[in-house]
Each structure stands twice: as structure tokens, then as C-alpha cells.
Amino acid sequence: MLQARDGILLFVIFTSITTGILYPGVGEPLIPYPKYFMMALLFLSFVSLQVGQIFRIFRLEPRKLSLLIAAKLLILPVVVYFMFHVTVPRYALAALLLSGVSTGVLSPFFSIIVGANTPLVLSMVVTSSLLVPFSLPFLVKGLTGSGLELSLWSMIQLLSMVVFVPIVLVELVRKWAPKTLMGLEESRFTASLVLIAMTNLGVFSKYSEYFRAEPGTVLAALGVACFLAIFFFLAGLACTRGKDLYDQLSVVICFAVMNNILVLVFASEFFGPLETILAAVYSIPFYGILIPLRFYGVWKGEKRNKGQVTREPGSGNAFK
């Protein structure tokens, strides 16, 4: 079942989105800063985790991580592109950009909330962020025949700053002021809510005029975004069929919680409004996916507990 914190989170999210669209003046001062808010959220995600936990995934489960990376950055984007190219070609490029981007920096926050494998999620954030400057231009050029006029070095610089600066800062604070991290851990949820609200206000205030001028296009883009979120959710479950709930939730998060703010920034500079708007409205199912994640976790947990209770003594481990 949804918990009180989930309700508070969803209320803050959708209130800030609505405020940004209807009252853009409120969020206008925040428009230049979503990137920095994302960095702060990642910093908070690292507060309760040792960096060694992340690299343990690289060392002990390289095959699992390699398969996840291939699925996230190559297989799923290709499937999504051709799916839209055949059915709704207008959205094929926009869907490709969104599905081919790295796992979002907010994914560890989601992982902590639902009790997933956070070190695995953080490993995906780091690895996919390092690879996406190369994989995404390759996909766009290879599938659409057009070049992505972006500086690879600029992308690497941006992603490295977003991912690695928070990691380094957490480790410095952990070494020189560990009590500060303890205080941050206690107030992490509240601080994360504030940062998420400011991010939404900044993003949706910037595109408020388009949202109000083109409601039909926005609603259509929202439908596409919701479809993509459902697709990624089901793809995550399909890839982890028979696995532990801990890993299932992690893979769904890695697939569905992507760095749509990064796509939004790039699309607004190099592509048309359709690609930009799809990246913006994905913020709605992006946060809304917390609901099916929570319900699936509860349903799966109850099913597992029931199986454990009804299992005959001596029958072995039914969950191997």
C-alpha cells in the first residue's frame, strides 16, 4: 500500500508541476538551476551509501551490469524507435531520445523509497551516464540518418559534473565531518522534496507558454509519455522474471526513471518543440510510476510470504 510519505511526495510533485504551468512567474527565477538541483539530489542519495558498495557491483556482477547497460542504452531504444516509426512516426525521434538517455539521477531516491537494490541503481546511473554521450548520437545517426550536432566532450563534461561531483563531496564530508552526514540523513526526505519541487518549478515555468498554447499537442505527448513509462515498467519485469523482488524493482527503476531533464535541455537546443515537450511531460509518469512500484512490491511480497507459509516442511526452497 502507499505510505504517508508517498502521498506527500506525489502531492508536492504534482502541485509544483501545476504551479509552474499556471503561474510561471513563481518558478522563473529557478529556470537556470535544474541541473544543480539534480546534483544535490544525487548527493543526498549517496549520504547513506559507501562508494565501495557501488564498485562492488562492478567487481562481483559485471555480467549483470553489462546486460542491463546493453538493454538500457541499445536494445530498448531500438525497439522503441521502430515501434513508433511503424505506428506513430511523428514521435519516433522524441521517443528514441527519451528511451536512449542514461538512468536518471533521481533513480537512487526512488530506489531508497521502495526498498530496491540501491547500489545496483547507483552503478547504472554512473555507468550509463559515462556511456550515453557515445551511444545516443550513434543511435540517432544510425536509425534516423541525421547527425546529433552535439559536442561529445561537452556532454561528457556535463554528465561527469552531475554524477561525480556529488560522489566526491559526499566522501569528503564523510571523511572530515561525518556528523554532518548523520544530520543530512535524518532530514533527507524533506530536503529531497524541496529540491524536487524547485526542479519542477524551474522546468515547467520555462515551457508554460507552450503548454497553454498547444494543449492538444501536450495531451498527445502526455499519452505517449505514459505509454513509454508502462512499456519500461513491463520491460523491467520481463527482464527480471523469476528474480528476487529486490532486483526486479531496481531494474524497473533503471529503465523507467531516466534522465529526462537532460533530454529536455538537449532537445530544446538541437531539436523541435515536440521532442522538448515529450521530455518535459515525461516528468508526470516519471514520478507517478512510484504508485505501481509500491503496489507491485506489496503484491509480490504478500505472494512470497503466502508461499513460504503454505510450503510443506522439507520441500526445499521454493524461491531458488
C-alpha atoms as a PDB file:
ATOM      1  CA  MET A   1       0.000   0.000   0.000  1.00  0.00           C
ATOM      2  CA  LEU A   2       1.000   3.607  -0.469  1.00  0.00           C
ATOM      3  CA  GLN A   3       2.528   5.134   2.628  1.00  0.00           C
ATOM      4  CA  ALA A   4       2.034   8.631   4.027  1.00  0.00           C
ATOM      5  CA  ARG A   5       5.386   9.744   2.621  1.00  0.00           C
ATOM      6  CA  ASP A   6       4.362   8.563  -0.851  1.00  0.00           C
ATOM      7  CA  GLY A   7       1.239  10.726  -0.687  1.00  0.00           C
ATOM      8  CA  ILE A   8       3.250  13.752   0.449  1.00  0.00           C
ATOM      9  CA  LEU A   9       5.785  13.190  -2.330  1.00  0.00           C
ATOM     10  CA  LEU A  10       3.131  12.902  -5.046  1.00  0.00           C
ATOM     11  CA  PHE A  11       1.300  15.964  -3.712  1.00  0.00           C
ATOM     12  CA  VAL A  12       4.462  18.078  -3.797  1.00  0.00           C
ATOM     13  CA  ILE A  13       5.375  16.805  -7.273  1.00  0.00           C
ATOM     14  CA  PHE A  14       2.080  17.486  -8.986  1.00  0.00           C
ATOM     15  CA  THR A  15       1.443  20.739  -7.125  1.00  0.00           C
ATOM     16  CA  SER A  16       4.825  22.094  -8.245  1.00  0.00           C
ATOM     17  CA  ILE A  17       4.202  20.977 -11.851  1.00  0.00           C
ATOM     18  CA  THR A  18       0.769  22.635 -11.908  1.00  0.00           C
ATOM     19  CA  THR A  19       2.128  25.801 -10.309  1.00  0.00           C
ATOM     20  CA  GLY A  20       4.944  26.000 -12.851  1.00  0.00           C
ATOM     21  CA  ILE A  21       2.483  25.771 -15.751  1.00  0.00           C
ATOM     22  CA  LEU A  22      -0.233  28.084 -14.410  1.00  0.00           C
ATOM     23  CA  TYR A  23       1.958  30.592 -12.574  1.00  0.00           C
ATOM     24  CA  PRO A  24       5.309  30.670 -14.409  1.00  0.00           C
ATOM     25  CA  GLY A  25       6.431  33.770 -12.555  1.00  0.00           C
ATOM     26  CA  VAL A  26       6.807  31.690  -9.411  1.00  0.00           C
ATOM     27  CA  GLY A  27       9.364  29.384 -10.972  1.00  0.00           C
ATOM     28  CA  GLU A  28      11.024  31.794 -13.386  1.00  0.00           C
ATOM     29  CA  PRO A  29      13.980  32.561 -11.060  1.00  0.00           C
ATOM     30  CA  LEU A  30      14.684  28.809 -10.879  1.00  0.00           C
ATOM     31  CA  ILE A  31      14.850  28.167 -14.652  1.00  0.00           C
ATOM     32  CA  PRO A  32      18.697  28.145 -14.886  1.00  0.00           C
ATOM     33  CA  TYR A  33      19.203  25.710 -11.995  1.00  0.00           C
ATOM     34  CA  PRO A  34      17.536  22.253 -12.532  1.00  0.00           C
ATOM     35  CA  LYS A  35      20.944  20.728 -13.307  1.00  0.00           C
ATOM     36  CA  TYR A  36      22.263  21.821  -9.914  1.00  0.00           C
ATOM     37  CA  PHE A  37      19.141  20.613  -8.139  1.00  0.00           C
ATOM     38  CA  MET A  38      19.732  17.200  -9.735  1.00  0.00           C
ATOM     39  CA  MET A  39      23.290  17.198  -8.389  1.00  0.00           C
ATOM     40  CA  ALA A  40      22.030  18.000  -4.893  1.00  0.00           C
ATOM     41  CA  LEU A  41      19.500  15.155  -5.076  1.00  0.00           C
ATOM     42  CA  LEU A  42      22.216  12.717  -6.087  1.00  0.00           C
ATOM     43  CA  PHE A  43      24.352  13.970  -3.199  1.00  0.00           C
ATOM     44  CA  LEU A  44      21.506  13.127  -0.821  1.00  0.00           C
ATOM     45  CA  SER A  45      21.151   9.680  -2.406  1.00  0.00           C
ATOM     46  CA  PHE A  46      24.799   8.943  -1.638  1.00  0.00           C
ATOM     47  CA  VAL A  47      24.596  10.057   2.001  1.00  0.00           C
ATOM     48  CA  SER A  48      23.722   6.618   3.398  1.00  0.00           C
ATOM     49  CA  LEU A  49      25.802   4.610   0.946  1.00  0.00           C
ATOM     50  CA  GLN A  50      29.508   3.894   0.745  1.00  0.00           C
ATOM     51  CA  VAL A  51      31.071   4.358  -2.695  1.00  0.00           C
ATOM     52  CA  GLY A  52      32.595   0.897  -2.192  1.00  0.00           C
ATOM     53  CA  GLN A  53      29.092  -0.583  -2.431  1.00  0.00           C
ATOM     54  CA  ILE A  54      28.784   0.776  -5.957  1.00  0.00           C
ATOM     55  CA  PHE A  55      32.109  -0.561  -7.177  1.00  0.00           C
ATOM     56  CA  ARG A  56      31.303  -3.901  -5.540  1.00  0.00           C
ATOM     57  CA  ILE A  57      28.603  -4.308  -8.202  1.00  0.00           C
ATOM     58  CA  PHE A  58      31.191  -3.678 -10.939  1.00  0.00           C
ATOM     59  CA  ARG A  59      33.555  -6.222  -9.399  1.00  0.00           C
ATOM     60  CA  LEU A  60      31.158  -9.003  -8.399  1.00  0.00           C
ATOM     61  CA  GLU A  61      28.413  -8.744 -11.014  1.00  0.00           C
ATOM     62  CA  PRO A  62      29.974  -7.456 -14.255  1.00  0.00           C
ATOM     63  CA  ARG A  63      27.740  -9.673 -16.401  1.00  0.00           C
ATOM     64  CA  LYS A  64      24.536  -8.417 -14.776  1.00  0.00           C
ATOM     65  CA  LEU A  65      25.605  -4.806 -15.155  1.00  0.00           C
ATOM     66  CA  SER A  66      26.727  -5.323 -18.778  1.00  0.00           C
ATOM     67  CA  LEU A  67      23.374  -6.866 -19.724  1.00  0.00           C
ATOM     68  CA  LEU A  68      21.460  -4.055 -18.036  1.00  0.00           C
ATOM     69  CA  ILE A  69      23.546  -1.425 -19.809  1.00  0.00           C
ATOM     70  CA  ALA A  70      23.033  -3.115 -23.185  1.00  0.00           C
ATOM     71  CA  ALA A  71      19.284  -3.308 -22.591  1.00  0.00           C
ATOM     72  CA  LYS A  72      19.014   0.289 -21.343  1.00  0.00           C
ATOM     73  CA  LEU A  73      21.197   2.088 -23.891  1.00  0.00           C
ATOM     74  CA  LEU A  74      20.867  -0.092 -27.001  1.00  0.00           C
ATOM     75  CA  ILE A  75      18.138  -2.737 -27.105  1.00  0.00           C
ATOM     76  CA  LEU A  76      15.187  -0.842 -25.602  1.00  0.00           C
ATOM     77  CA  PRO A  77      15.826   2.395 -27.577  1.00  0.00           C
ATOM     78  CA  VAL A  78      15.952   0.446 -30.862  1.00  0.00           C
ATOM     79  CA  VAL A  79      12.742  -1.422 -30.020  1.00  0.00           C
ATOM     80  CA  VAL A  80      11.007   1.823 -29.019  1.00  0.00           C
ATOM     81  CA  TYR A  81      12.163   3.667 -32.141  1.00  0.00           C
ATOM     82  CA  PHE A  82      10.847   1.043 -34.577  1.00  0.00           C
ATOM     83  CA  MET A  83       7.650   0.630 -32.586  1.00  0.00           C
ATOM     84  CA  PHE A  84       6.906   4.339 -33.019  1.00  0.00           C
ATOM     85  CA  HIS A  85       8.344   4.530 -36.541  1.00  0.00           C
ATOM     86  CA  VAL A  86       5.745   1.987 -37.665  1.00  0.00           C
ATOM     87  CA  THR A  87       2.773   3.278 -35.639  1.00  0.00           C
ATOM     88  CA  VAL A  88       3.272   6.992 -34.834  1.00  0.00           C
ATOM     89  CA  PRO A  89       6.334   8.179 -36.821  1.00  0.00           C
ATOM     90  CA  ARG A  90       5.929  11.763 -35.639  1.00  0.00           C
ATOM     91  CA  TYR A  91       7.084  10.703 -32.170  1.00  0.00           C
ATOM     92  CA  ALA A  92       9.792   8.232 -33.226  1.00  0.00           C
ATOM     93  CA  LEU A  93      12.757  10.582 -32.704  1.00  0.00           C
ATOM     94  CA  ALA A  94      11.365  12.021 -29.460  1.00  0.00           C
ATOM     95  CA  ALA A  95      10.779   8.514 -28.069  1.00  0.00           C
ATOM     96  CA  LEU A  96      14.271   7.437 -29.149  1.00  0.00           C
ATOM     97  CA  LEU A  97      15.922  10.352 -27.345  1.00  0.00           C
ATOM     98  CA  LEU A  98      13.949   9.671 -24.180  1.00  0.00           C
ATOM     99  CA  SER A  99      14.480   5.914 -24.133  1.00  0.00           C
ATOM    100  CA  GLY A 100      18.167   6.135 -25.078  1.00  0.00           C
ATOM    101  CA  VAL A 101      19.259   8.531 -22.358  1.00  0.00           C
ATOM    102  CA  SER A 102      21.007   7.479 -19.156  1.00  0.00           C
ATOM    103  CA  THR A 103      19.328   6.290 -15.953  1.00  0.00           C
ATOM    104  CA  GLY A 104      18.216   9.394 -14.076  1.00  0.00           C
ATOM    105  CA  VAL A 105      19.980  10.848 -11.076  1.00  0.00           C
ATOM    106  CA  LEU A 106      16.687  10.653  -9.169  1.00  0.00           C
ATOM    107  CA  SER A 107      16.556   6.866  -9.504  1.00  0.00           C
ATOM    108  CA  PRO A 108      18.520   6.225  -6.267  1.00  0.00           C
ATOM    109  CA  PHE A 109      15.929   8.355  -4.439  1.00  0.00           C
ATOM    110  CA  PHE A 110      13.150   6.117  -5.840  1.00  0.00           C
ATOM    111  CA  SER A 111      15.169   3.013  -5.000  1.00  0.00           C
ATOM    112  CA  ILE A 112      15.549   4.052  -1.371  1.00  0.00           C
ATOM    113  CA  ILE A 113      11.820   4.793  -1.085  1.00  0.00           C
ATOM    114  CA  VAL A 114      10.656   1.382  -2.368  1.00  0.00           C
ATOM    115  CA  GLY A 115      13.489  -0.653  -0.818  1.00  0.00           C
ATOM    116  CA  ALA A 116      15.207  -1.748  -4.035  1.00  0.00           C
ATOM    117  CA  ASN A 117      18.851  -2.592  -4.762  1.00  0.00           C
ATOM    118  CA  THR A 118      20.222   0.940  -4.467  1.00  0.00           C
ATOM    119  CA  PRO A 119      23.918   0.096  -5.107  1.00  0.00           C
ATOM    120  CA  LEU A 120      22.894  -1.545  -8.409  1.00  0.00           C
ATOM    121  CA  VAL A 121      20.815   1.506  -9.342  1.00  0.00           C
ATOM    122  CA  LEU A 122      23.676   3.861  -8.497  1.00  0.00           C
ATOM    123  CA  SER A 123      26.039   1.741 -10.584  1.00  0.00           C
ATOM    124  CA  MET A 124      23.644   2.079 -13.516  1.00  0.00           C
ATOM    125  CA  VAL A 125      23.479   5.851 -13.035  1.00  0.00           C
ATOM    126  CA  VAL A 126      27.265   6.156 -13.155  1.00  0.00           C
ATOM    127  CA  THR A 127      27.877   3.675 -15.992  1.00  0.00           C
ATOM    128  CA  SER A 128      25.041   4.784 -18.272  1.00  0.00           C
ATOM    129  CA  SER A 129      25.954   8.446 -17.754  1.00  0.00           C
ATOM    130  CA  LEU A 130      29.516   7.743 -18.900  1.00  0.00           C
ATOM    131  CA  LEU A 131      28.385   5.824 -21.990  1.00  0.00           C
ATOM    132  CA  VAL A 132      25.388   7.848 -23.182  1.00  0.00           C
ATOM    133  CA  PRO A 133      27.471  10.616 -24.865  1.00  0.00           C
ATOM    134  CA  PHE A 134      28.604   7.942 -27.313  1.00  0.00           C
ATOM    135  CA  SER A 135      25.603   5.607 -27.502  1.00  0.00           C
ATOM    136  CA  LEU A 136      22.859   8.193 -28.070  1.00  0.00           C
ATOM    137  CA  PRO A 137      24.481  10.039 -31.022  1.00  0.00           C
ATOM    138  CA  PHE A 138      25.279   6.643 -32.580  1.00  0.00           C
ATOM    139  CA  LEU A 139      21.652   5.540 -32.275  1.00  0.00           C
ATOM    140  CA  VAL A 140      20.227   8.787 -33.641  1.00  0.00           C
ATOM    141  CA  LYS A 141      22.566   8.815 -36.630  1.00  0.00           C
ATOM    142  CA  GLY A 142      22.196   5.108 -37.340  1.00  0.00           C
ATOM    143  CA  LEU A 143      18.409   4.934 -37.024  1.00  0.00           C
ATOM    144  CA  THR A 144      17.260   8.311 -38.332  1.00  0.00           C
ATOM    145  CA  GLY A 145      20.110   9.120 -40.714  1.00  0.00           C
ATOM    146  CA  SER A 146      20.664  12.514 -39.121  1.00  0.00           C
ATOM    147  CA  GLY A 147      23.603  13.578 -37.032  1.00  0.00           C
ATOM    148  CA  LEU A 148      23.255  14.745 -33.475  1.00  0.00           C
ATOM    149  CA  GLU A 149      25.119  18.027 -33.525  1.00  0.00           C
ATOM    150  CA  LEU A 150      26.419  17.845 -30.010  1.00  0.00           C
ATOM    151  CA  SER A 151      29.948  18.115 -28.696  1.00  0.00           C
ATOM    152  CA  LEU A 152      30.811  14.754 -27.158  1.00  0.00           C
ATOM    153  CA  TRP A 153      33.303  16.451 -24.880  1.00  0.00           C
ATOM    154  CA  SER A 154      30.655  18.915 -23.681  1.00  0.00           C
ATOM    155  CA  MET A 155      28.281  16.045 -22.934  1.00  0.00           C
ATOM    156  CA  ILE A 156      30.971  14.150 -21.062  1.00  0.00           C
ATOM    157  CA  GLN A 157      31.828  17.257 -19.051  1.00  0.00           C
ATOM    158  CA  LEU A 158      28.194  17.883 -18.153  1.00  0.00           C
ATOM    159  CA  LEU A 159      27.431  14.297 -17.163  1.00  0.00           C
ATOM    160  CA  SER A 160      30.678  13.894 -15.262  1.00  0.00           C
ATOM    161  CA  MET A 161      29.931  17.020 -13.266  1.00  0.00           C
ATOM    162  CA  VAL A 162      26.379  15.906 -12.463  1.00  0.00           C
ATOM    163  CA  VAL A 163      27.436  12.408 -11.359  1.00  0.00           C
ATOM    164  CA  PHE A 164      30.927  12.671  -9.902  1.00  0.00           C
ATOM    165  CA  VAL A 165      30.890  15.999  -8.077  1.00  0.00           C
ATOM    166  CA  PRO A 166      28.205  14.744  -5.622  1.00  0.00           C
ATOM    167  CA  ILE A 167      30.150  11.494  -5.086  1.00  0.00           C
ATOM    168  CA  VAL A 168      33.366  13.346  -4.277  1.00  0.00           C
ATOM    169  CA  LEU A 169      31.577  15.816  -2.000  1.00  0.00           C
ATOM    170  CA  VAL A 170      29.883  13.037  -0.014  1.00  0.00           C
ATOM    171  CA  GLU A 171      33.194  11.244   0.516  1.00  0.00           C
ATOM    172  CA  LEU A 172      34.905  14.471   1.606  1.00  0.00           C
ATOM    173  CA  VAL A 173      32.140  15.235   4.088  1.00  0.00           C
ATOM    174  CA  ARG A 174      32.175  11.605   5.277  1.00  0.00           C
ATOM    175  CA  LYS A 175      35.893  11.894   5.992  1.00  0.00           C
ATOM    176  CA  TRP A 176      36.045  15.364   7.537  1.00  0.00           C
ATOM    177  CA  ALA A 177      32.564  15.920   9.006  1.00  0.00           C
ATOM    178  CA  PRO A 178      30.755  12.572   9.442  1.00  0.00           C
ATOM    179  CA  LYS A 179      28.256  14.026  11.919  1.00  0.00           C
ATOM    180  CA  THR A 180      27.039  16.342   9.165  1.00  0.00           C
ATOM    181  CA  LEU A 181      26.053  13.325   7.068  1.00  0.00           C
ATOM    182  CA  MET A 182      24.116  11.897  10.005  1.00  0.00           C
ATOM    183  CA  GLY A 183      22.140  15.117  10.242  1.00  0.00           C
ATOM    184  CA  LEU A 184      21.544  15.137   6.477  1.00  0.00           C
ATOM    185  CA  GLU A 185      20.316  11.556   6.552  1.00  0.00           C
ATOM    186  CA  GLU A 186      17.683  12.458   9.124  1.00  0.00           C
ATOM    187  CA  SER A 187      16.398  15.376   7.018  1.00  0.00           C
ATOM    188  CA  ARG A 188      16.990  13.806   3.596  1.00  0.00           C
ATOM    189  CA  PHE A 189      13.350  13.244   2.702  1.00  0.00           C
ATOM    190  CA  THR A 190      12.349  16.846   3.423  1.00  0.00           C
ATOM    191  CA  ALA A 191      15.380  18.232   1.590  1.00  0.00           C
ATOM    192  CA  SER A 192      14.644  15.991  -1.408  1.00  0.00           C
ATOM    193  CA  LEU A 193      11.053  17.215  -1.541  1.00  0.00           C
ATOM    194  CA  VAL A 194      12.229  20.829  -1.655  1.00  0.00           C
ATOM    195  CA  LEU A 195      14.740  20.086  -4.429  1.00  0.00           C
ATOM    196  CA  ILE A 196      12.188  18.153  -6.496  1.00  0.00           C
ATOM    197  CA  ALA A 197       9.672  20.986  -6.159  1.00  0.00           C
ATOM    198  CA  MET A 198      12.239  23.582  -7.256  1.00  0.00           C
ATOM    199  CA  THR A 199      13.267  21.419 -10.214  1.00  0.00           C
ATOM    200  CA  ASN A 200       9.671  21.091 -11.404  1.00  0.00           C
ATOM    201  CA  LEU A 201       9.000  24.795 -10.952  1.00  0.00           C
ATOM    202  CA  GLY A 202      12.084  25.671 -12.993  1.00  0.00           C
ATOM    203  CA  VAL A 203      11.368  23.207 -15.811  1.00  0.00           C
ATOM    204  CA  PHE A 204       7.628  23.758 -16.218  1.00  0.00           C
ATOM    205  CA  SER A 205       7.789  27.539 -15.822  1.00  0.00           C
ATOM    206  CA  LYS A 206      10.149  27.667 -18.796  1.00  0.00           C
ATOM    207  CA  TYR A 207       7.642  25.843 -21.043  1.00  0.00           C
ATOM    208  CA  SER A 208       4.465  27.242 -19.503  1.00  0.00           C
ATOM    209  CA  GLU A 209       3.516  29.281 -22.582  1.00  0.00           C
ATOM    210  CA  TYR A 210       3.748  26.285 -24.902  1.00  0.00           C
ATOM    211  CA  PHE A 211       1.701  24.131 -22.509  1.00  0.00           C
ATOM    212  CA  ARG A 212      -1.103  26.681 -22.536  1.00  0.00           C
ATOM    213  CA  ALA A 213      -0.921  27.495 -26.261  1.00  0.00           C
ATOM    214  CA  GLU A 214      -0.846  23.885 -27.530  1.00  0.00           C
ATOM    215  CA  PRO A 215      -2.980  21.822 -25.131  1.00  0.00           C
ATOM    216  CA  GLY A 216      -3.800  19.185 -27.760  1.00  0.00           C
ATOM    217  CA  THR A 217      -0.157  18.543 -28.566  1.00  0.00           C
ATOM    218  CA  VAL A 218       0.706  18.462 -24.888  1.00  0.00           C
ATOM    219  CA  LEU A 219      -2.046  15.923 -24.119  1.00  0.00           C
ATOM    220  CA  ALA A 220      -0.922  13.728 -27.022  1.00  0.00           C
ATOM    221  CA  ALA A 221       2.678  13.917 -25.783  1.00  0.00           C
ATOM    222  CA  LEU A 222       1.481  13.030 -22.281  1.00  0.00           C
ATOM    223  CA  GLY A 223      -0.247   9.946 -23.696  1.00  0.00           C
ATOM    224  CA  VAL A 224       2.991   8.912 -25.404  1.00  0.00           C
ATOM    225  CA  ALA A 225       4.936   9.536 -22.193  1.00  0.00           C
ATOM    226  CA  CYS A 226       2.535   7.380 -20.151  1.00  0.00           C
ATOM    227  CA  PHE A 227       2.754   4.607 -22.732  1.00  0.00           C
ATOM    228  CA  LEU A 228       6.556   4.717 -22.567  1.00  0.00           C
ATOM    229  CA  ALA A 229       6.506   4.554 -18.758  1.00  0.00           C
ATOM    230  CA  ILE A 230       4.239   1.478 -18.858  1.00  0.00           C
ATOM    231  CA  PHE A 231       6.436  -0.102 -21.526  1.00  0.00           C
ATOM    232  CA  PHE A 232       9.605   0.426 -19.461  1.00  0.00           C
ATOM    233  CA  PHE A 233       7.884  -0.884 -16.336  1.00  0.00           C
ATOM    234  CA  LEU A 234       6.819  -4.089 -18.098  1.00  0.00           C
ATOM    235  CA  ALA A 235      10.211  -4.420 -19.821  1.00  0.00           C
ATOM    236  CA  GLY A 236      11.908  -4.257 -16.432  1.00  0.00           C
ATOM    237  CA  LEU A 237       9.683  -7.016 -15.061  1.00  0.00           C
ATOM    238  CA  ALA A 238      10.180  -9.138 -18.191  1.00  0.00           C
ATOM    239  CA  CYS A 239      13.968  -8.849 -17.924  1.00  0.00           C
ATOM    240  CA  THR A 240      13.889  -9.972 -14.271  1.00  0.00           C
ATOM    241  CA  ARG A 241      11.240 -12.674 -14.432  1.00  0.00           C
ATOM    242  CA  GLY A 242      11.866 -15.176 -11.668  1.00  0.00           C
ATOM    243  CA  LYS A 243      14.334 -12.902  -9.881  1.00  0.00           C
ATOM    244  CA  ASP A 244      14.127 -11.508  -6.360  1.00  0.00           C
ATOM    245  CA  LEU A 245      11.805  -8.546  -5.781  1.00  0.00           C
ATOM    246  CA  TYR A 246      14.843  -6.524  -4.638  1.00  0.00           C
ATOM    247  CA  ASP A 247      16.374  -6.773  -8.134  1.00  0.00           C
ATOM    248  CA  GLN A 248      13.076  -6.541 -10.024  1.00  0.00           C
ATOM    249  CA  LEU A 249      12.264  -3.147  -8.551  1.00  0.00           C
ATOM    250  CA  SER A 250      15.820  -1.975  -9.245  1.00  0.00           C
ATOM    251  CA  VAL A 251      15.705  -2.862 -12.946  1.00  0.00           C
ATOM    252  CA  VAL A 252      12.283  -1.251 -13.418  1.00  0.00           C
ATOM    253  CA  ILE A 253      13.679   1.934 -11.867  1.00  0.00           C
ATOM    254  CA  CYS A 254      16.797   1.800 -14.064  1.00  0.00           C
ATOM    255  CA  PHE A 255      14.629   1.552 -17.202  1.00  0.00           C
ATOM    256  CA  ALA A 256      11.721   3.874 -16.359  1.00  0.00           C
ATOM    257  CA  VAL A 257      13.386   6.598 -14.278  1.00  0.00           C
ATOM    258  CA  MET A 258      15.613   8.139 -16.927  1.00  0.00           C
ATOM    259  CA  ASN A 259      17.354  11.489 -17.168  1.00  0.00           C
ATOM    260  CA  ASN A 260      14.516  13.281 -18.960  1.00  0.00           C
ATOM    261  CA  ILE A 261      15.790  16.692 -17.802  1.00  0.00           C
ATOM    262  CA  LEU A 262      18.981  16.068 -19.771  1.00  0.00           C
ATOM    263  CA  VAL A 263      16.924  15.181 -22.860  1.00  0.00           C
ATOM    264  CA  LEU A 264      14.853  18.313 -22.314  1.00  0.00           C
ATOM    265  CA  VAL A 265      17.960  20.505 -22.257  1.00  0.00           C
ATOM    266  CA  PHE A 266      19.406  18.906 -25.394  1.00  0.00           C
ATOM    267  CA  ALA A 267      16.124  18.747 -27.290  1.00  0.00           C
ATOM    268  CA  SER A 268      15.338  22.414 -26.670  1.00  0.00           C
ATOM    269  CA  GLU A 269      18.691  23.356 -28.214  1.00  0.00           C
ATOM    270  CA  PHE A 270      19.026  20.926 -31.112  1.00  0.00           C
ATOM    271  CA  PHE A 271      15.555  19.614 -31.971  1.00  0.00           C
ATOM    272  CA  GLY A 272      11.976  20.821 -32.299  1.00  0.00           C
ATOM    273  CA  PRO A 273       9.303  21.554 -29.702  1.00  0.00           C
ATOM    274  CA  LEU A 274       7.803  18.059 -29.923  1.00  0.00           C
ATOM    275  CA  GLU A 275      10.968  16.380 -28.610  1.00  0.00           C
ATOM    276  CA  THR A 276      11.266  19.016 -25.903  1.00  0.00           C
ATOM    277  CA  ILE A 277       7.648  18.719 -24.762  1.00  0.00           C
ATOM    278  CA  LEU A 278       7.738  14.910 -24.612  1.00  0.00           C
ATOM    279  CA  ALA A 279      10.802  15.100 -22.367  1.00  0.00           C
ATOM    280  CA  ALA A 280       9.045  17.687 -20.177  1.00  0.00           C
ATOM    281  CA  VAL A 281       5.730  15.851 -19.782  1.00  0.00           C
ATOM    282  CA  TYR A 282       7.511  12.571 -19.031  1.00  0.00           C
ATOM    283  CA  SER A 283       8.054  14.143 -15.610  1.00  0.00           C
ATOM    284  CA  ILE A 284       4.434  13.209 -14.813  1.00  0.00           C
ATOM    285  CA  PRO A 285       4.640   9.402 -15.329  1.00  0.00           C
ATOM    286  CA  PHE A 286       8.276   9.658 -14.166  1.00  0.00           C
ATOM    287  CA  TYR A 287       7.031  10.439 -10.659  1.00  0.00           C
ATOM    288  CA  GLY A 288       3.714   8.637 -10.984  1.00  0.00           C
ATOM    289  CA  ILE A 289       5.489   5.321 -11.523  1.00  0.00           C
ATOM    290  CA  LEU A 290       6.105   5.305  -7.787  1.00  0.00           C
ATOM    291  CA  ILE A 291       2.493   4.103  -7.365  1.00  0.00           C
ATOM    292  CA  PRO A 292       2.727   0.865  -9.413  1.00  0.00           C
ATOM    293  CA  LEU A 293       6.209   0.256  -7.979  1.00  0.00           C
ATOM    294  CA  ARG A 294       4.825   0.389  -4.454  1.00  0.00           C
ATOM    295  CA  PHE A 295       1.777  -1.747  -5.246  1.00  0.00           C
ATOM    296  CA  TYR A 296       3.816  -4.325  -7.140  1.00  0.00           C
ATOM    297  CA  GLY A 297       6.244  -4.556  -4.220  1.00  0.00           C
ATOM    298  CA  VAL A 298       3.405  -5.144  -1.759  1.00  0.00           C
ATOM    299  CA  TRP A 299       1.664  -7.693  -4.018  1.00  0.00           C
ATOM    300  CA  LYS A 300       4.876  -9.598  -4.695  1.00  0.00           C
ATOM    301  CA  GLY A 301       5.826  -9.551  -1.022  1.00  0.00           C
ATOM    302  CA  GLU A 302       2.429 -10.894   0.050  1.00  0.00           C
ATOM    303  CA  LYS A 303       2.606 -13.601  -2.601  1.00  0.00           C
ATOM    304  CA  ARG A 304       6.071 -14.635  -1.423  1.00  0.00           C
ATOM    305  CA  ASN A 305       5.035 -14.699   2.249  1.00  0.00           C
ATOM    306  CA  LYS A 306       1.983 -16.777   1.428  1.00  0.00           C
ATOM    307  CA  GLY A 307       4.149 -19.289  -0.443  1.00  0.00           C
ATOM    308  CA  GLN A 308       6.518 -19.512   2.496  1.00  0.00           C
ATOM    309  CA  VAL A 309       3.670 -20.162   4.929  1.00  0.00           C
ATOM    310  CA  THR A 310       1.933 -22.820   2.842  1.00  0.00           C
ATOM    311  CA  ARG A 311       5.082 -24.669   1.769  1.00  0.00           C
ATOM    312  CA  GLU A 312       5.317 -28.221   3.097  1.00  0.00           C
ATOM    313  CA  PRO A 313       8.178 -28.893   5.524  1.00  0.00           C
ATOM    314  CA  GLY A 314      11.176 -30.428   3.786  1.00  0.00           C
ATOM    315  CA  SER A 315      10.015 -29.340   0.332  1.00  0.00           C
ATOM    316  CA  GLY A 316      13.113 -27.201  -0.236  1.00  0.00           C
ATOM    317  CA  ASN A 317      13.460 -23.565  -1.142  1.00  0.00           C
ATOM    318  CA  ALA A 318      10.623 -22.656  -3.475  1.00  0.00           C
ATOM    319  CA  PHE A 319      12.282 -19.395  -4.400  1.00  0.00           C
ATOM    320  CA  LYS A 320      15.600 -20.606  -5.805  1.00  0.00           C
END
